[in-house]
Amino acid sequence: MALIQFTGTSAHTSGELPAVGSIAPDFELTKRDLTQIALKDFKGKKMVLNVFPSLETDTCALSVRAFNSLAAKMENTTVLCISRDLPFAQSRFCGAEGINRVMMLSDYKDKGFAEAYGLLFTDGPFEGLLARAVIVLDENRRIVYTEMVKNIGVEPNYKSALEALQND
């Protein structure tokens, strides 16, 4: 269980991120068109999982914008932006912001992703939402980098995530 800081308070997650070097747990998430997609559908691709509570918060929106910009520089890499926002809200955000290089996915339906990756807030103001984290996978689903952001109002370390892709 991780402890995440909020302004003046703290909250717990349902577990810990999977260990670097381990194989990423399977998941199934909902795309903006309401169809399902699974980890196995990205076979042979490097992946960046940008996980966050909601697009309705400034820091979460900043991380999506940043990864959308950085995605153009990543070879053989897919960036998944994962939250519990409904696909309709994700579509509205992407349309308004010109987000077109990342794949927006929602854990609202299956909810297995949050549990498998230990990212579900179990208490606090964001209870039921996902904690902010970045997970980088190589082409074989091996986890090469993780970051659980310990303060919900802070952006992830983009530079370290990109370096993990290059050092893989």
N, C-alpha and C. Protein backbone atom coordinates (compact mmCIF):
# COMPACT_ATOMS: atom_id res chain seq x y z
N MET A 1 0.83 -1.16 0.00
CA MET A 1 0.00 0.00 0.00
C MET A 1 0.90 1.25 0.00
N ALA A 2 0.67 2.12 -0.96
CA ALA A 2 1.45 3.35 -1.04
C ALA A 2 0.69 4.48 -0.34
N LEU A 3 1.45 5.44 0.19
CA LEU A 3 0.88 6.62 0.82
C LEU A 3 1.11 7.81 -0.09
N ILE A 4 0.03 8.46 -0.50
CA ILE A 4 0.08 9.59 -1.42
C ILE A 4 -0.35 10.85 -0.68
N GLN A 5 0.37 11.93 -0.88
CA GLN A 5 0.07 13.20 -0.21
C GLN A 5 -0.89 14.05 -1.04
N PHE A 6 -1.84 14.63 -0.36
CA PHE A 6 -2.75 15.62 -0.90
C PHE A 6 -2.45 16.90 -0.15
N THR A 7 -3.07 17.98 -0.53
CA THR A 7 -2.88 19.23 0.19
C THR A 7 -3.35 19.05 1.62
N GLY A 8 -2.40 18.91 2.54
CA GLY A 8 -2.72 18.80 3.96
C GLY A 8 -3.23 17.46 4.43
N THR A 9 -3.44 16.51 3.55
CA THR A 9 -3.92 15.19 3.95
C THR A 9 -3.14 14.13 3.19
N SER A 10 -3.47 12.88 3.45
CA SER A 10 -2.84 11.79 2.71
C SER A 10 -3.89 10.72 2.43
N ALA A 11 -3.54 9.83 1.51
CA ALA A 11 -4.45 8.74 1.13
C ALA A 11 -3.62 7.52 0.79
N HIS A 12 -4.26 6.38 0.80
CA HIS A 12 -3.60 5.11 0.53
C HIS A 12 -4.07 4.52 -0.79
N THR A 13 -3.18 3.75 -1.40
CA THR A 13 -3.56 2.99 -2.59
C THR A 13 -3.80 1.54 -2.19
N SER A 14 -4.37 0.80 -3.12
CA SER A 14 -4.72 -0.59 -2.86
C SER A 14 -3.51 -1.53 -2.84
N GLY A 15 -2.36 -1.04 -3.25
CA GLY A 15 -1.17 -1.90 -3.25
C GLY A 15 0.05 -1.12 -3.70
N GLU A 16 1.02 -1.84 -4.21
CA GLU A 16 2.26 -1.26 -4.72
C GLU A 16 2.33 -1.54 -6.22
N LEU A 17 3.09 -0.72 -6.92
CA LEU A 17 3.31 -0.97 -8.34
C LEU A 17 4.05 -2.28 -8.52
N PRO A 18 3.83 -2.97 -9.63
CA PRO A 18 4.61 -4.18 -9.91
C PRO A 18 6.09 -3.82 -9.98
N ALA A 19 6.95 -4.76 -9.64
CA ALA A 19 8.39 -4.52 -9.55
C ALA A 19 9.03 -4.36 -10.93
N VAL A 20 10.02 -3.50 -11.00
CA VAL A 20 10.84 -3.38 -12.21
C VAL A 20 11.48 -4.75 -12.45
N GLY A 21 11.47 -5.19 -13.68
CA GLY A 21 11.99 -6.50 -14.06
C GLY A 21 10.92 -7.56 -14.17
N SER A 22 9.75 -7.31 -13.57
CA SER A 22 8.66 -8.29 -13.65
C SER A 22 7.87 -8.09 -14.95
N ILE A 23 7.05 -9.07 -15.27
CA ILE A 23 6.18 -8.97 -16.44
C ILE A 23 4.91 -8.22 -16.03
N ALA A 24 4.52 -7.27 -16.85
CA ALA A 24 3.35 -6.45 -16.55
C ALA A 24 2.09 -7.31 -16.48
N PRO A 25 1.26 -7.08 -15.46
CA PRO A 25 0.00 -7.81 -15.38
C PRO A 25 -0.91 -7.48 -16.57
N ASP A 26 -1.66 -8.47 -17.00
CA ASP A 26 -2.63 -8.25 -18.08
C ASP A 26 -3.68 -7.24 -17.62
N PHE A 27 -4.28 -6.58 -18.57
CA PHE A 27 -5.38 -5.69 -18.27
C PHE A 27 -6.27 -5.57 -19.49
N GLU A 28 -7.49 -5.11 -19.25
CA GLU A 28 -8.42 -4.76 -20.31
C GLU A 28 -9.04 -3.42 -19.94
N LEU A 29 -8.96 -2.48 -20.88
CA LEU A 29 -9.46 -1.12 -20.65
C LEU A 29 -10.39 -0.73 -21.78
N THR A 30 -11.14 0.36 -21.55
CA THR A 30 -12.13 0.81 -22.52
C THR A 30 -11.59 2.00 -23.32
N LYS A 31 -11.68 1.88 -24.66
CA LYS A 31 -11.25 2.96 -25.54
C LYS A 31 -12.36 4.02 -25.64
N ARG A 32 -12.02 5.12 -26.28
CA ARG A 32 -12.98 6.22 -26.41
C ARG A 32 -14.22 5.83 -27.21
N ASP A 33 -14.11 4.81 -28.09
CA ASP A 33 -15.27 4.36 -28.86
C ASP A 33 -16.06 3.27 -28.14
N LEU A 34 -15.74 3.05 -26.86
CA LEU A 34 -16.39 2.10 -25.96
C LEU A 34 -16.04 0.65 -26.23
N THR A 35 -15.10 0.37 -27.11
CA THR A 35 -14.62 -0.99 -27.29
C THR A 35 -13.50 -1.27 -26.29
N GLN A 36 -13.25 -2.54 -26.09
CA GLN A 36 -12.22 -2.96 -25.13
C GLN A 36 -10.89 -3.21 -25.84
N ILE A 37 -9.80 -2.98 -25.11
CA ILE A 37 -8.46 -3.27 -25.61
C ILE A 37 -7.66 -3.85 -24.45
N ALA A 38 -6.79 -4.80 -24.76
CA ALA A 38 -6.02 -5.48 -23.72
C ALA A 38 -4.53 -5.28 -23.95
N LEU A 39 -3.76 -5.53 -22.92
CA LEU A 39 -2.31 -5.42 -23.02
C LEU A 39 -1.77 -6.26 -24.16
N LYS A 40 -2.31 -7.44 -24.36
CA LYS A 40 -1.83 -8.34 -25.42
C LYS A 40 -1.98 -7.74 -26.81
N ASP A 41 -2.86 -6.74 -26.96
CA ASP A 41 -3.07 -6.10 -28.27
C ASP A 41 -1.91 -5.20 -28.69
N PHE A 42 -0.96 -4.99 -27.79
CA PHE A 42 0.19 -4.13 -28.07
C PHE A 42 1.47 -4.94 -28.23
N LYS A 43 1.34 -6.18 -28.60
CA LYS A 43 2.48 -7.09 -28.72
C LYS A 43 3.58 -6.46 -29.59
N GLY A 44 4.82 -6.53 -29.09
CA GLY A 44 5.97 -6.04 -29.84
C GLY A 44 6.22 -4.55 -29.73
N LYS A 45 5.39 -3.84 -28.98
CA LYS A 45 5.54 -2.39 -28.81
C LYS A 45 6.08 -2.07 -27.42
N LYS A 46 6.93 -1.07 -27.34
CA LYS A 46 7.26 -0.49 -26.04
C LYS A 46 6.05 0.33 -25.63
N MET A 47 5.87 0.47 -24.32
CA MET A 47 4.69 1.19 -23.85
C MET A 47 5.02 2.09 -22.67
N VAL A 48 4.37 3.23 -22.66
CA VAL A 48 4.38 4.12 -21.51
C VAL A 48 2.94 4.19 -21.01
N LEU A 49 2.74 3.81 -19.75
CA LEU A 49 1.43 3.91 -19.14
C LEU A 49 1.44 5.15 -18.25
N ASN A 50 0.72 6.17 -18.68
CA ASN A 50 0.58 7.41 -17.92
C ASN A 50 -0.76 7.31 -17.20
N VAL A 51 -0.71 7.07 -15.90
CA VAL A 51 -1.92 6.81 -15.11
C VAL A 51 -2.18 8.02 -14.21
N PHE A 52 -3.45 8.40 -14.08
CA PHE A 52 -3.78 9.60 -13.31
C PHE A 52 -5.23 9.55 -12.86
N PRO A 53 -5.60 10.40 -11.87
CA PRO A 53 -6.97 10.38 -11.34
C PRO A 53 -8.04 10.84 -12.33
N SER A 54 -7.89 12.05 -12.91
CA SER A 54 -8.94 12.58 -13.77
C SER A 54 -8.44 13.72 -14.63
N LEU A 55 -8.90 13.75 -15.86
CA LEU A 55 -8.57 14.85 -16.77
C LEU A 55 -9.10 16.19 -16.26
N GLU A 56 -10.00 16.14 -15.32
CA GLU A 56 -10.61 17.36 -14.78
C GLU A 56 -9.71 18.09 -13.80
N THR A 57 -8.50 17.58 -13.57
CA THR A 57 -7.54 18.26 -12.69
C THR A 57 -6.40 18.80 -13.54
N ASP A 58 -5.86 19.93 -13.13
CA ASP A 58 -4.81 20.59 -13.91
C ASP A 58 -3.59 19.71 -14.13
N THR A 59 -3.09 19.07 -13.09
CA THR A 59 -1.87 18.28 -13.20
C THR A 59 -2.07 17.08 -14.13
N CYS A 60 -3.23 16.46 -14.05
CA CYS A 60 -3.52 15.32 -14.93
C CYS A 60 -3.56 15.77 -16.39
N ALA A 61 -4.22 16.88 -16.65
CA ALA A 61 -4.29 17.41 -18.01
C ALA A 61 -2.90 17.77 -18.52
N LEU A 62 -2.06 18.33 -17.65
CA LEU A 62 -0.68 18.66 -18.04
C LEU A 62 0.09 17.41 -18.44
N SER A 63 -0.08 16.32 -17.71
CA SER A 63 0.67 15.10 -18.03
C SER A 63 0.24 14.52 -19.38
N VAL A 64 -1.04 14.59 -19.69
CA VAL A 64 -1.52 14.10 -20.98
C VAL A 64 -0.96 14.97 -22.11
N ARG A 65 -0.99 16.28 -21.92
CA ARG A 65 -0.43 17.18 -22.93
C ARG A 65 1.06 16.92 -23.13
N ALA A 66 1.79 16.74 -22.04
CA ALA A 66 3.24 16.50 -22.13
C ALA A 66 3.53 15.20 -22.86
N PHE A 67 2.86 14.12 -22.49
CA PHE A 67 3.11 12.83 -23.15
C PHE A 67 2.64 12.86 -24.60
N ASN A 68 1.60 13.60 -24.91
CA ASN A 68 1.17 13.73 -26.30
C ASN A 68 2.28 14.39 -27.12
N SER A 69 2.91 15.40 -26.59
CA SER A 69 4.01 16.08 -27.27
C SER A 69 5.23 15.17 -27.39
N LEU A 70 5.56 14.48 -26.31
CA LEU A 70 6.74 13.61 -26.30
C LEU A 70 6.56 12.37 -27.16
N ALA A 71 5.33 11.92 -27.35
CA ALA A 71 5.07 10.68 -28.09
C ALA A 71 5.60 10.75 -29.52
N ALA A 72 5.63 11.93 -30.11
CA ALA A 72 6.11 12.08 -31.49
C ALA A 72 7.58 11.70 -31.60
N LYS A 73 8.31 11.76 -30.50
CA LYS A 73 9.75 11.47 -30.51
C LYS A 73 10.07 10.02 -30.13
N MET A 74 9.08 9.23 -29.81
CA MET A 74 9.30 7.86 -29.33
C MET A 74 9.11 6.86 -30.46
N GLU A 75 10.14 6.06 -30.71
CA GLU A 75 10.05 5.04 -31.76
C GLU A 75 9.50 3.74 -31.20
N ASN A 76 8.64 3.09 -31.98
CA ASN A 76 8.05 1.80 -31.61
C ASN A 76 7.46 1.83 -30.20
N THR A 77 6.85 2.95 -29.84
CA THR A 77 6.32 3.12 -28.49
C THR A 77 4.89 3.67 -28.56
N THR A 78 4.04 3.07 -27.75
CA THR A 78 2.67 3.54 -27.62
C THR A 78 2.50 4.12 -26.22
N VAL A 79 1.90 5.30 -26.14
CA VAL A 79 1.62 5.93 -24.85
C VAL A 79 0.14 5.75 -24.55
N LEU A 80 -0.15 5.12 -23.42
CA LEU A 80 -1.51 4.94 -22.96
C LEU A 80 -1.75 5.88 -21.80
N CYS A 81 -2.76 6.71 -21.89
CA CYS A 81 -3.16 7.61 -20.81
C CYS A 81 -4.39 7.01 -20.17
N ILE A 82 -4.25 6.59 -18.91
CA ILE A 82 -5.27 5.77 -18.26
C ILE A 82 -5.84 6.47 -17.03
N SER A 83 -7.17 6.54 -16.99
CA SER A 83 -7.87 7.11 -15.84
C SER A 83 -9.21 6.39 -15.70
N ARG A 84 -10.00 6.86 -14.78
CA ARG A 84 -11.37 6.34 -14.64
C ARG A 84 -12.38 7.31 -15.25
N ASP A 85 -11.88 8.34 -15.95
CA ASP A 85 -12.79 9.24 -16.65
C ASP A 85 -13.59 8.43 -17.66
N LEU A 86 -14.84 8.83 -17.87
CA LEU A 86 -15.64 8.17 -18.89
C LEU A 86 -15.05 8.46 -20.27
N PRO A 87 -15.15 7.53 -21.21
CA PRO A 87 -14.63 7.74 -22.55
C PRO A 87 -15.18 9.01 -23.23
N PHE A 88 -16.40 9.41 -22.88
CA PHE A 88 -16.98 10.62 -23.47
C PHE A 88 -16.20 11.85 -23.04
N ALA A 89 -15.83 11.91 -21.76
CA ALA A 89 -15.04 13.03 -21.25
C ALA A 89 -13.65 13.02 -21.87
N GLN A 90 -13.08 11.83 -22.04
CA GLN A 90 -11.77 11.72 -22.68
C GLN A 90 -11.83 12.24 -24.11
N SER A 91 -12.87 11.88 -24.83
CA SER A 91 -13.04 12.35 -26.22
C SER A 91 -13.18 13.86 -26.29
N ARG A 92 -13.96 14.43 -25.39
CA ARG A 92 -14.13 15.89 -25.35
C ARG A 92 -12.79 16.58 -25.09
N PHE A 93 -12.04 16.07 -24.13
CA PHE A 93 -10.74 16.65 -23.78
C PHE A 93 -9.80 16.59 -24.97
N CYS A 94 -9.69 15.42 -25.59
CA CYS A 94 -8.77 15.25 -26.73
C CYS A 94 -9.16 16.16 -27.89
N GLY A 95 -10.44 16.29 -28.16
CA GLY A 95 -10.89 17.17 -29.23
C GLY A 95 -10.57 18.62 -28.95
N ALA A 96 -10.81 19.06 -27.75
CA ALA A 96 -10.56 20.45 -27.38
C ALA A 96 -9.07 20.77 -27.32
N GLU A 97 -8.25 19.78 -26.96
CA GLU A 97 -6.82 20.01 -26.76
C GLU A 97 -5.95 19.58 -27.94
N GLY A 98 -6.54 18.95 -28.95
CA GLY A 98 -5.74 18.47 -30.08
C GLY A 98 -4.84 17.30 -29.70
N ILE A 99 -5.30 16.48 -28.78
CA ILE A 99 -4.53 15.31 -28.33
C ILE A 99 -4.74 14.19 -29.34
N ASN A 100 -3.66 13.79 -30.04
CA ASN A 100 -3.81 12.79 -31.09
C ASN A 100 -2.66 11.79 -31.18
N ARG A 101 -1.71 11.84 -30.27
CA ARG A 101 -0.56 10.93 -30.34
C ARG A 101 -0.54 9.90 -29.21
N VAL A 102 -1.48 10.02 -28.30
CA VAL A 102 -1.58 9.06 -27.20
C VAL A 102 -2.93 8.38 -27.30
N MET A 103 -3.05 7.23 -26.65
CA MET A 103 -4.32 6.52 -26.62
C MET A 103 -4.94 6.71 -25.24
N MET A 104 -6.12 7.28 -25.21
CA MET A 104 -6.85 7.48 -23.96
C MET A 104 -7.64 6.22 -23.64
N LEU A 105 -7.50 5.73 -22.41
CA LEU A 105 -8.19 4.52 -21.99
C LEU A 105 -8.80 4.72 -20.61
N SER A 106 -9.92 4.05 -20.38
CA SER A 106 -10.63 4.18 -19.12
C SER A 106 -10.74 2.83 -18.41
N ASP A 107 -10.58 2.88 -17.09
CA ASP A 107 -10.74 1.71 -16.24
C ASP A 107 -12.10 1.74 -15.54
N TYR A 108 -13.06 2.48 -16.10
CA TYR A 108 -14.35 2.64 -15.44
C TYR A 108 -15.18 1.36 -15.48
N LYS A 109 -14.99 0.54 -16.49
CA LYS A 109 -15.87 -0.62 -16.69
C LYS A 109 -15.35 -1.86 -15.98
N ASP A 110 -14.17 -2.31 -16.34
CA ASP A 110 -13.63 -3.55 -15.81
C ASP A 110 -13.06 -3.39 -14.41
N LYS A 111 -12.36 -2.30 -14.17
CA LYS A 111 -11.76 -1.93 -12.89
C LYS A 111 -10.63 -2.86 -12.45
N GLY A 112 -10.24 -3.80 -13.31
CA GLY A 112 -9.17 -4.74 -12.96
C GLY A 112 -7.79 -4.12 -13.02
N PHE A 113 -7.62 -3.12 -13.88
CA PHE A 113 -6.31 -2.48 -14.01
C PHE A 113 -5.86 -1.90 -12.67
N ALA A 114 -6.73 -1.15 -12.02
CA ALA A 114 -6.39 -0.49 -10.75
C ALA A 114 -5.92 -1.50 -9.71
N GLU A 115 -6.60 -2.61 -9.63
CA GLU A 115 -6.22 -3.63 -8.64
C GLU A 115 -4.91 -4.32 -9.03
N ALA A 116 -4.76 -4.70 -10.30
CA ALA A 116 -3.56 -5.42 -10.74
C ALA A 116 -2.29 -4.59 -10.57
N TYR A 117 -2.43 -3.27 -10.69
CA TYR A 117 -1.27 -2.39 -10.59
C TYR A 117 -1.17 -1.66 -9.26
N GLY A 118 -2.08 -1.94 -8.32
CA GLY A 118 -2.03 -1.35 -6.98
C GLY A 118 -2.31 0.13 -6.95
N LEU A 119 -3.08 0.64 -7.90
CA LEU A 119 -3.24 2.08 -8.08
C LEU A 119 -4.58 2.66 -7.62
N LEU A 120 -5.44 1.87 -7.04
CA LEU A 120 -6.75 2.35 -6.63
C LEU A 120 -6.64 3.10 -5.30
N PHE A 121 -7.11 4.34 -5.25
CA PHE A 121 -7.18 5.05 -3.97
C PHE A 121 -8.26 4.38 -3.13
N THR A 122 -7.89 4.00 -1.91
CA THR A 122 -8.83 3.31 -1.03
C THR A 122 -9.44 4.23 0.02
N ASP A 123 -8.93 5.46 0.12
CA ASP A 123 -9.48 6.45 1.05
C ASP A 123 -9.08 7.84 0.56
N GLY A 124 -9.47 8.85 1.28
CA GLY A 124 -9.10 10.21 0.93
C GLY A 124 -10.02 10.82 -0.11
N PRO A 125 -9.71 12.05 -0.53
CA PRO A 125 -10.57 12.79 -1.45
C PRO A 125 -10.78 12.13 -2.81
N PHE A 126 -9.80 11.35 -3.27
CA PHE A 126 -9.91 10.72 -4.59
C PHE A 126 -10.23 9.23 -4.48
N GLU A 127 -10.82 8.81 -3.37
CA GLU A 127 -11.16 7.40 -3.18
C GLU A 127 -11.94 6.88 -4.40
N GLY A 128 -11.52 5.73 -4.90
CA GLY A 128 -12.16 5.13 -6.06
C GLY A 128 -11.52 5.50 -7.39
N LEU A 129 -10.62 6.50 -7.38
CA LEU A 129 -9.91 6.90 -8.60
C LEU A 129 -8.51 6.28 -8.61
N LEU A 130 -7.78 6.50 -9.69
CA LEU A 130 -6.44 5.97 -9.83
C LEU A 130 -5.40 6.96 -9.35
N ALA A 131 -4.34 6.46 -8.74
CA ALA A 131 -3.22 7.30 -8.31
C ALA A 131 -2.38 7.67 -9.54
N ARG A 132 -1.58 8.72 -9.41
CA ARG A 132 -0.71 9.17 -10.51
C ARG A 132 0.56 8.30 -10.53
N ALA A 133 0.80 7.70 -11.69
CA ALA A 133 1.98 6.84 -11.84
C ALA A 133 2.38 6.78 -13.31
N VAL A 134 3.63 6.42 -13.54
CA VAL A 134 4.13 6.13 -14.89
C VAL A 134 4.80 4.77 -14.83
N ILE A 135 4.46 3.93 -15.79
CA ILE A 135 5.03 2.59 -15.90
C ILE A 135 5.51 2.42 -17.33
N VAL A 136 6.76 2.00 -17.50
CA VAL A 136 7.32 1.83 -18.84
C VAL A 136 7.59 0.33 -19.04
N LEU A 137 7.13 -0.18 -20.20
CA LEU A 137 7.29 -1.58 -20.56
C LEU A 137 8.14 -1.71 -21.81
N ASP A 138 8.95 -2.76 -21.86
CA ASP A 138 9.68 -3.04 -23.09
C ASP A 138 8.79 -3.84 -24.04
N GLU A 139 9.33 -4.25 -25.17
CA GLU A 139 8.55 -4.96 -26.19
C GLU A 139 8.02 -6.31 -25.72
N ASN A 140 8.59 -6.83 -24.63
CA ASN A 140 8.20 -8.14 -24.12
C ASN A 140 7.34 -8.05 -22.86
N ARG A 141 6.80 -6.87 -22.60
CA ARG A 141 5.95 -6.60 -21.43
C ARG A 141 6.70 -6.58 -20.12
N ARG A 142 8.03 -6.54 -20.18
CA ARG A 142 8.83 -6.46 -18.97
C ARG A 142 8.82 -5.01 -18.49
N ILE A 143 8.60 -4.82 -17.22
CA ILE A 143 8.58 -3.47 -16.64
C ILE A 143 10.01 -2.99 -16.47
N VAL A 144 10.32 -1.85 -17.11
CA VAL A 144 11.68 -1.31 -17.05
C VAL A 144 11.76 -0.04 -16.21
N TYR A 145 10.61 0.52 -15.83
CA TYR A 145 10.60 1.75 -15.04
C TYR A 145 9.24 1.92 -14.40
N THR A 146 9.23 2.38 -13.16
CA THR A 146 7.98 2.77 -12.51
C THR A 146 8.20 4.02 -11.69
N GLU A 147 7.16 4.80 -11.59
CA GLU A 147 7.16 5.95 -10.69
C GLU A 147 5.75 6.12 -10.13
N MET A 148 5.63 5.99 -8.84
CA MET A 148 4.39 6.32 -8.15
C MET A 148 4.61 7.73 -7.62
N VAL A 149 3.90 8.69 -8.16
CA VAL A 149 4.08 10.08 -7.75
C VAL A 149 3.49 10.24 -6.35
N LYS A 150 4.33 10.62 -5.40
CA LYS A 150 3.94 10.63 -3.98
C LYS A 150 3.13 11.85 -3.57
N ASN A 151 3.07 12.86 -4.42
CA ASN A 151 2.26 14.05 -4.14
C ASN A 151 1.34 14.24 -5.33
N ILE A 152 0.06 14.16 -5.12
CA ILE A 152 -0.92 14.14 -6.21
C ILE A 152 -0.87 15.38 -7.08
N GLY A 153 -0.37 16.50 -6.57
CA GLY A 153 -0.32 17.73 -7.34
C GLY A 153 0.95 17.93 -8.14
N VAL A 154 1.81 16.91 -8.18
CA VAL A 154 3.10 17.01 -8.87
C VAL A 154 3.06 16.16 -10.14
N GLU A 155 3.66 16.69 -11.21
CA GLU A 155 3.75 15.93 -12.46
C GLU A 155 4.77 14.81 -12.33
N PRO A 156 4.63 13.77 -13.15
CA PRO A 156 5.63 12.69 -13.13
C PRO A 156 6.95 13.17 -13.72
N ASN A 157 7.98 12.36 -13.55
CA ASN A 157 9.31 12.66 -14.06
C ASN A 157 9.40 12.16 -15.51
N TYR A 158 9.05 13.03 -16.44
CA TYR A 158 9.02 12.66 -17.86
C TYR A 158 10.41 12.23 -18.34
N LYS A 159 11.44 12.94 -17.93
CA LYS A 159 12.80 12.67 -18.37
C LYS A 159 13.22 11.26 -17.99
N SER A 160 12.97 10.85 -16.78
CA SER A 160 13.36 9.50 -16.34
C SER A 160 12.60 8.42 -17.11
N ALA A 161 11.32 8.67 -17.37
CA ALA A 161 10.53 7.70 -18.13
C ALA A 161 11.10 7.54 -19.55
N LEU A 162 11.45 8.65 -20.18
CA LEU A 162 12.00 8.60 -21.54
C LEU A 162 13.38 7.93 -21.54
N GLU A 163 14.18 8.20 -20.54
CA GLU A 163 15.49 7.57 -20.45
C GLU A 163 15.35 6.05 -20.30
N ALA A 164 14.34 5.60 -19.56
CA ALA A 164 14.11 4.17 -19.40
C ALA A 164 13.80 3.52 -20.75
N LEU A 165 13.07 4.24 -21.61
CA LEU A 165 12.79 3.73 -22.96
C LEU A 165 14.06 3.57 -23.77
N GLN A 166 14.94 4.56 -23.67
CA GLN A 166 16.18 4.56 -24.44
C GLN A 166 17.19 3.56 -23.91
N ASN A 167 17.19 3.32 -22.60
CA ASN A 167 18.16 2.42 -21.98
C ASN A 167 17.71 0.98 -22.04
N ASP A 168 16.51 0.77 -22.44
CA ASP A 168 15.93 -0.57 -22.46
C ASP A 168 16.68 -1.47 -23.42
